[in-house]
Amino acid sequence: MIRKVKDIMVRDFIKIDALCRVGRIQEIALEKGYDCFPVVEGDRIIGVLTTQELIKAHSNRIAADAVSNKYEVISLDANLWTAEEIIKQKKINILLVKEDEEICGIITKHLLDAELGKHVDLLTGLYRSDYIYYKAVELVKEDMDFSIIFLDINNFGHINKTYGHVKGDIILQEVSILLKKSIPSDAYLCRFAGDEFIVLIPYNIKDSISIANKLVDVVLCHKFQNNILVTISAGIAGKNKYNIKLHSAYSVVTNIINTASLASSKAKAEKSKISIAGNFKSDEIA
């Protein structure tokens, strides 16, 4: 499940009146350990004071003189990847979380980085599946075409047993690098689980077939350590803009990924490079 802003936001914070003296705010920051204060004038938020502004400001100044406008407001139910995109695009460090026109929480860049770091696979450096779910859900909501290429290393269990898990880990890292270098710039890659990878392509299935073939071939042609033969199977499933009607975007994505996974298993069983499941139909949701 994709985590939301409300799952990690700081709920314990203090609003500071615009006329409050900076010295007093510095004292509160030290006493309470807070590193961000929304500054209000009446009922209106006029900015934020972070540790950085408090260090630079003279203690005799008032909050309104030291306040920063480098922040954005985000909804309580926004997901964490949306929060990250806003912070990157706006080049800010603070998000104020709003519910029913009231500020109810704070998200800092440090807090967000710590949380999203949990969604990066330590072995390969690739995102985990949560990121792909987020991107695919966004494409469903925008009614955009996309395809899922599900990639599975063939006989990986045998490789681990024959050459050891350390060699197996090195192969996973090398496959990750090969895939990352070979996908289009507008595609997204994650390590789904174990020796399985997913590529989210913002094109229809027809345009994704050549990409899937390329990914299979680039792994086949690579010379791995100890001349270990490594091959992968690919399954493709997709959505087009005409077949999504009633179901939640998340359930649609879940079923497309599952369909692509089954296609990959079919390719492996039939010793084919790829298997094409076709476009996913909304009435196929379980």
Protein backbone atom coordinates (compact mmCIF):
# COMPACT_ATOMS: atom_id res chain seq x y z
CA MET A 1 0.00 0.00 0.00
CA ILE A 2 1.28 3.45 -0.89
CA ARG A 3 1.92 5.46 2.29
CA LYS A 4 0.44 8.91 2.67
CA VAL A 5 1.50 12.21 4.17
CA LYS A 6 -0.71 11.68 7.20
CA ASP A 7 1.20 8.47 8.03
CA ILE A 8 4.47 10.24 8.80
CA MET A 9 3.76 13.96 9.32
CA VAL A 10 4.75 15.74 12.51
CA ARG A 11 1.54 16.43 14.40
CA ASP A 12 3.13 18.00 17.47
CA PHE A 13 4.05 21.56 16.47
CA ILE A 14 3.45 25.14 17.57
CA LYS A 15 2.07 28.01 15.52
CA ILE A 16 3.90 31.26 16.16
CA ASP A 17 2.27 34.67 16.10
CA ALA A 18 3.88 37.04 13.61
CA LEU A 19 4.67 39.52 16.41
CA CYS A 20 6.43 36.98 18.63
CA ARG A 21 10.07 37.84 19.38
CA VAL A 22 12.65 35.62 17.67
CA GLY A 23 14.53 35.16 20.94
CA ARG A 24 11.47 33.59 22.52
CA ILE A 25 11.02 31.26 19.53
CA GLN A 26 14.67 30.23 19.79
CA GLU A 27 14.06 29.32 23.43
CA ILE A 28 11.03 27.23 22.48
CA ALA A 29 13.01 25.46 19.76
CA LEU A 30 15.70 24.52 22.28
CA GLU A 31 13.22 23.50 25.00
CA LYS A 32 10.89 21.45 22.80
CA GLY A 33 13.28 20.30 20.09
CA TYR A 34 11.10 21.71 17.29
CA ASP A 35 12.81 22.63 14.04
CA CYS A 36 9.93 24.25 12.16
CA PHE A 37 7.21 26.73 13.17
CA PRO A 38 4.33 27.90 10.99
CA VAL A 39 3.97 31.68 11.47
CA VAL A 40 0.46 33.13 11.55
CA GLU A 41 -1.00 36.59 11.30
CA GLY A 42 -4.54 36.31 12.58
CA ASP A 43 -5.83 33.12 10.95
CA ARG A 44 -3.51 33.41 7.97
CA ILE A 45 -0.25 31.51 7.50
CA ILE A 46 2.38 34.00 6.37
CA GLY A 47 5.37 31.64 6.28
CA VAL A 48 7.57 29.32 8.27
CA LEU A 49 10.50 29.65 10.59
CA THR A 50 12.99 26.83 10.54
CA THR A 51 16.16 26.31 12.51
CA GLN A 52 18.05 27.90 9.64
CA GLU A 53 16.07 31.17 9.86
CA LEU A 54 16.24 31.18 13.64
CA ILE A 55 20.04 30.89 13.60
CA LYS A 56 20.41 33.76 11.17
CA ALA A 57 17.87 36.11 12.80
CA HIS A 58 18.68 38.53 15.63
CA SER A 59 16.87 37.60 18.83
CA ASN A 60 15.25 41.04 19.09
CA ARG A 61 13.50 40.77 15.74
CA ILE A 62 9.94 39.58 15.43
CA ALA A 63 8.83 36.41 13.60
CA ALA A 64 7.32 38.40 10.72
CA ASP A 65 10.77 39.87 9.94
CA ALA A 66 12.54 36.51 9.82
CA VAL A 67 9.86 34.35 8.24
CA SER A 68 10.56 32.32 5.09
CA ASN A 69 8.17 31.71 2.22
CA LYS A 70 10.03 28.59 1.09
CA TYR A 71 7.26 26.13 1.80
CA GLU A 72 4.22 24.59 0.13
CA VAL A 73 0.90 23.30 1.41
CA ILE A 74 -0.11 19.69 0.76
CA SER A 75 -3.23 17.72 1.55
CA LEU A 76 -3.45 15.17 4.32
CA ASP A 77 -4.18 12.32 1.90
CA ALA A 78 -1.45 13.06 -0.62
CA ASN A 79 1.00 10.21 -0.98
CA LEU A 80 4.65 10.49 -0.07
CA TRP A 81 5.93 10.36 -3.64
CA THR A 82 3.81 13.39 -4.52
CA ALA A 83 5.31 15.17 -1.51
CA GLU A 84 8.80 14.33 -2.75
CA GLU A 85 8.04 15.64 -6.24
CA ILE A 86 6.80 18.97 -4.81
CA ILE A 87 9.89 19.36 -2.63
CA LYS A 88 12.19 18.66 -5.57
CA GLN A 89 10.34 20.84 -8.05
CA LYS A 90 10.00 23.80 -5.68
CA LYS A 91 13.45 23.32 -4.11
CA ILE A 92 12.05 23.65 -0.60
CA ASN A 93 12.46 21.77 2.67
CA ILE A 94 9.06 22.23 4.31
CA LEU A 95 5.50 21.14 3.51
CA LEU A 96 2.61 22.27 5.68
CA VAL A 97 -0.17 19.68 5.79
CA LYS A 98 -3.69 20.99 5.52
CA GLU A 99 -7.02 19.41 6.47
CA ASP A 100 -10.27 21.38 6.13
CA GLU A 101 -8.37 24.65 5.72
CA GLU A 102 -6.43 24.03 8.93
CA ILE A 103 -2.72 23.25 9.19
CA CYS A 104 -2.58 19.91 10.98
CA GLY A 105 0.98 18.74 10.40
CA ILE A 106 4.45 19.38 9.02
CA ILE A 107 6.58 17.35 6.63
CA THR A 108 10.28 18.15 6.44
CA LYS A 109 12.61 17.04 3.65
CA HIS A 110 14.73 15.20 6.20
CA LEU A 111 11.69 13.29 7.49
CA LEU A 112 10.54 12.47 3.96
CA ASP A 113 14.00 11.32 2.82
CA ALA A 114 14.25 9.02 5.84
CA GLU A 115 10.90 7.44 5.04
CA LEU A 116 11.38 7.10 1.28
CA GLY A 117 14.85 5.66 1.88
CA LYS A 118 13.02 2.58 3.13
CA HIS A 119 11.63 2.14 -0.38
CA VAL A 120 15.03 1.86 -2.04
CA ASP A 121 16.49 -1.62 -2.34
CA LEU A 122 19.86 -1.66 -0.57
CA LEU A 123 21.39 -4.35 -2.79
CA THR A 124 20.60 -2.87 -6.20
CA GLY A 125 19.88 0.77 -5.42
CA LEU A 126 16.61 0.47 -7.35
CA TYR A 127 13.26 1.57 -6.03
CA ARG A 128 11.06 -1.08 -4.50
CA SER A 129 7.60 -1.83 -5.84
CA ASP A 130 5.86 0.97 -3.93
CA TYR A 131 7.28 3.56 -6.33
CA ILE A 132 6.06 1.70 -9.42
CA TYR A 133 2.58 1.34 -7.89
CA TYR A 134 2.54 5.10 -7.29
CA LYS A 135 3.60 5.97 -10.84
CA ALA A 136 1.18 3.47 -12.40
CA VAL A 137 -1.72 4.71 -10.27
CA GLU A 138 -1.00 8.25 -11.46
CA LEU A 139 -1.15 7.07 -15.10
CA VAL A 140 -4.44 5.26 -14.47
CA LYS A 141 -5.93 8.40 -12.93
CA GLU A 142 -4.79 10.41 -15.95
CA ASP A 143 -6.25 7.74 -18.26
CA MET A 144 -2.90 7.31 -19.98
CA ASP A 145 -1.68 4.26 -21.85
CA PHE A 146 1.02 2.23 -20.18
CA SER A 147 2.49 -1.25 -20.08
CA ILE A 148 4.12 -3.35 -17.40
CA ILE A 149 7.10 -5.51 -18.33
CA PHE A 150 7.65 -8.14 -15.65
CA LEU A 151 11.16 -9.60 -15.75
CA ASP A 152 12.29 -12.76 -13.99
CA ILE A 153 15.79 -14.28 -13.98
CA ASN A 154 15.64 -17.88 -15.19
CA ASN A 155 16.91 -20.61 -12.86
CA PHE A 156 18.15 -18.10 -10.30
CA GLY A 157 17.72 -20.63 -7.50
CA HIS A 158 20.04 -22.99 -9.37
CA ILE A 159 22.60 -20.18 -9.83
CA ASN A 160 22.53 -19.48 -6.08
CA LYS A 161 22.96 -23.17 -5.23
CA THR A 162 25.73 -23.68 -7.77
CA TYR A 163 27.80 -20.51 -7.33
CA GLY A 164 26.66 -19.25 -3.90
CA HIS A 165 24.48 -16.37 -2.78
CA VAL A 166 27.31 -13.83 -2.96
CA LYS A 167 27.66 -14.49 -6.69
CA GLY A 168 23.89 -14.42 -6.92
CA ASP A 169 23.82 -10.97 -5.33
CA ILE A 170 26.46 -9.73 -7.78
CA ILE A 171 24.34 -11.00 -10.66
CA LEU A 172 21.32 -9.14 -9.30
CA GLN A 173 23.38 -5.96 -9.13
CA GLU A 174 24.70 -6.40 -12.67
CA VAL A 175 21.26 -7.17 -14.07
CA SER A 176 19.93 -4.05 -12.32
CA ILE A 177 22.60 -1.88 -13.93
CA LEU A 178 21.95 -3.39 -17.37
CA LEU A 179 18.21 -2.83 -17.11
CA LYS A 180 18.64 0.72 -15.80
CA LYS A 181 20.90 1.61 -18.72
CA SER A 182 18.60 0.01 -21.27
CA ILE A 183 15.15 1.35 -20.41
CA PRO A 184 13.81 4.53 -22.06
CA SER A 185 14.34 7.78 -20.14
CA ASP A 186 10.62 8.07 -19.43
CA ALA A 187 10.27 4.51 -18.07
CA TYR A 188 10.47 3.45 -14.43
CA LEU A 189 12.29 0.43 -13.02
CA CYS A 190 12.04 -1.35 -9.68
CA ARG A 191 13.24 -4.55 -8.05
CA PHE A 192 9.91 -6.18 -7.37
CA ALA A 193 11.07 -9.09 -5.24
CA GLY A 194 14.02 -11.49 -5.18
CA ASP A 195 15.13 -11.96 -8.79
CA GLU A 196 12.09 -10.17 -10.24
CA PHE A 197 12.04 -6.70 -11.75
CA ILE A 198 9.31 -4.47 -13.15
CA VAL A 199 9.56 -1.83 -15.85
CA LEU A 200 6.68 0.61 -16.18
CA ILE A 201 6.50 1.93 -19.73
CA PRO A 202 4.22 4.88 -20.56
CA TYR A 203 3.45 3.37 -23.98
CA ASN A 204 0.99 0.80 -25.23
CA ILE A 205 1.86 -2.87 -25.52
CA LYS A 206 2.74 -2.70 -29.21
CA ASP A 207 5.43 -0.11 -28.51
CA SER A 208 6.68 -2.01 -25.46
CA ILE A 209 7.42 -5.31 -27.19
CA SER A 210 10.66 -4.11 -28.75
CA ILE A 211 11.77 -2.75 -25.37
CA ALA A 212 11.07 -6.09 -23.70
CA ASN A 213 13.07 -7.91 -26.38
CA LYS A 214 15.92 -5.45 -25.93
CA LEU A 215 16.01 -6.01 -22.16
CA VAL A 216 16.06 -9.79 -22.55
CA ASP A 217 18.82 -9.58 -25.16
CA VAL A 218 21.02 -7.17 -23.24
CA VAL A 219 21.13 -9.58 -20.29
CA LEU A 220 21.69 -12.59 -22.56
CA CYS A 221 24.64 -10.90 -24.29
CA HIS A 222 26.31 -9.64 -21.11
CA LYS A 223 29.35 -11.51 -19.85
CA PHE A 224 28.78 -12.16 -16.15
CA GLN A 225 31.43 -13.17 -13.64
CA ASN A 226 32.69 -16.77 -13.94
CA ASN A 227 31.01 -16.88 -17.36
CA ILE A 228 27.74 -17.70 -15.65
CA LEU A 229 24.97 -17.85 -18.21
CA VAL A 230 22.16 -15.54 -17.11
CA THR A 231 18.89 -15.19 -18.99
CA ILE A 232 15.61 -13.53 -18.16
CA SER A 233 11.99 -14.04 -19.19
CA ALA A 234 9.59 -11.18 -19.76
CA GLY A 235 5.82 -10.91 -19.51
CA ILE A 236 3.94 -7.89 -20.80
CA ALA A 237 0.52 -6.61 -19.81
CA GLY A 238 -0.93 -3.20 -20.36
CA LYS A 239 -3.78 -0.80 -20.16
CA ASN A 240 -5.20 1.42 -22.82
CA LYS A 241 -7.31 4.48 -22.28
CA TYR A 242 -10.57 2.81 -23.32
CA ASN A 243 -10.92 -0.05 -20.86
CA ILE A 244 -10.78 1.48 -17.37
CA LYS A 245 -14.24 2.26 -16.05
CA LEU A 246 -15.22 1.55 -12.51
CA HIS A 247 -12.50 0.11 -10.34
CA SER A 248 -10.01 1.88 -8.11
CA ALA A 249 -6.76 2.88 -9.75
CA TYR A 250 -4.81 0.80 -7.25
CA SER A 251 -6.78 -2.38 -7.97
CA VAL A 252 -6.32 -1.83 -11.69
CA VAL A 253 -2.56 -1.54 -11.27
CA THR A 254 -2.42 -4.58 -8.99
CA ASN A 255 -4.19 -6.70 -11.57
CA ILE A 256 -2.05 -5.49 -14.46
CA ILE A 257 1.13 -6.35 -12.53
CA ASN A 258 -0.29 -9.76 -11.64
CA THR A 259 -1.20 -10.37 -15.28
CA ALA A 260 2.31 -9.44 -16.41
CA SER A 261 3.75 -11.74 -13.74
CA LEU A 262 1.72 -14.66 -15.02
CA ALA A 263 2.83 -13.89 -18.57
CA SER A 264 6.45 -13.97 -17.41
CA SER A 265 5.89 -17.38 -15.83
CA LYS A 266 4.38 -18.57 -19.10
CA ALA A 267 7.37 -17.33 -21.07
CA LYS A 268 9.68 -19.15 -18.67
CA ALA A 269 7.69 -22.38 -18.87
CA GLU A 270 7.61 -22.26 -22.65
CA LYS A 271 11.29 -21.22 -22.82
CA SER A 272 10.33 -18.13 -24.76
CA LYS A 273 11.97 -14.74 -24.47
CA ILE A 274 8.72 -12.90 -23.85
CA SER A 275 5.01 -13.57 -23.44
CA ILE A 276 2.39 -10.96 -24.22
CA ALA A 277 -0.72 -11.03 -22.06
CA GLY A 278 -2.43 -8.24 -23.98
CA ASN A 279 -4.36 -5.28 -22.74
CA PHE A 280 -5.94 -5.63 -19.35
CA LYS A 281 -9.74 -5.40 -19.28
CA SER A 282 -11.53 -3.70 -16.39
CA ASP A 283 -14.05 -6.53 -16.06
CA GLU A 284 -11.19 -8.96 -15.44
CA ILE A 285 -10.59 -7.58 -11.96
CA ALA A 286 -11.06 -10.28 -9.37
